[in-house]
Amino acid sequence: MEKSMSRKARLFLALVTSSIAVFASSTTTAATFPQKPVRFVVGYAPGGGTDVLARVIGRKLSDMWAQPVVVENRAGAGGTIAARLVAHSASDGYTILMITTNHTVPSHEHRDLNYDPIKSFAPVIEIAYIPSALLVNPSLQVSSVRELIELVKAKPGKLNFGSTGPGTAQFMDMHLLMNAAGIKMVNVTYKGAGLILVALLGNEIQLTLQPITAYLESIKAGKLKALAVTGKVRSGLLPDVPTYSETTALHGFEGSANWYGIVAPAGTSKEIVRKLHDDVATAINTSEVQRLLSVQGFVTVSGSPEQFAKKIANDLSKWSNLLKTVDVR
């Protein structure tokens, strides 16, 4: 009997010791992370807004960690190539991914992703967003969203808007606007923002919805007119332009800003996720990074991993519901 109890005691002690060792190991790992270079994957080409944001934050983290943060561009397929790479990377915190609003859209138009936009990742932090502006050719002779709605209702299906194609964030958000206002316009697809700008200036299309920074120069030069911006508050880049929600005809509709955030592969420990979150939040809130991002039109956020996970899930649900009413072929 004593021998049996002794064996049980030894087993219990071994289990307790093992649990303590595992806990101590994870805590120590998080406290000393990172101990080697961190790969920061971006699903878009160098020089774009997503790349700029990643490099600004990456440089600050490199200084904080005394370890290189290597930005790796894996452009193509709306960010899904980069997402697939990170989804199948080691869940040790040394490979992270910058995602955008588009992360919540492609899963509906691509059936061969080989990853799940929610289950394959551990959300770390939402970093920032850039409001979009509803832009028109000045020849349209409307000065507000209310006037635009009245014009479109008088000429249903006669006005064209430009986008980079069905399933993209701007295309989807324009349909949210049309649903909110009860109007109908026709999409014309272009291969890039530059071609949309040319078409809008040439009155080939009458309006578009794009990130403010993309066309800011043309707006300030008076070549384009901004009727409204997305988001809860006015943009510091266009302080005189109202938000959608200030238009009574839209009944509180805000539109969708272009957001940016960081995720890690699913299975990354909560301790490492928290370490990444806290350090990125610290980097974002430094005066240096705030200044660099505000010049680019970014509005910083830095919410918790749980808040970011909820945002991703909510956006997936929103686009899924919209896709039931929109032909994206």
Foldseek 3Di string as FASTA:
>chain_A
DVVVVVVVVVVVVVVVVVVVVVVVVLLVLLVLPDPEEAEEEEAADPPDPLNVLCVLLQVLVCVVNVYHYHYHYNYDDQSLVRVLVQLPDDQALRYKYKDKLLLLFVVVVDVPSNADSQQFWQFQWWWWFFKKFKKFFCVVVDQAPVRVLVVQVVVAAPAEEEDQAFRDQFVLLVVVVCVLLVGHYHYDHDNDPVVRVVCRLVPVGTIGIGGCLSCVVCCVVVRMDTHAIADDADFPSCNPHHAPCVDVSSVRHRTDTMIMGMIGTPPNDPSNSNSVLVSSVVSCPDPVNVVVVVVSRIDTDSDGSVVVSVVSVVSSVVNVVSVVVDDRD
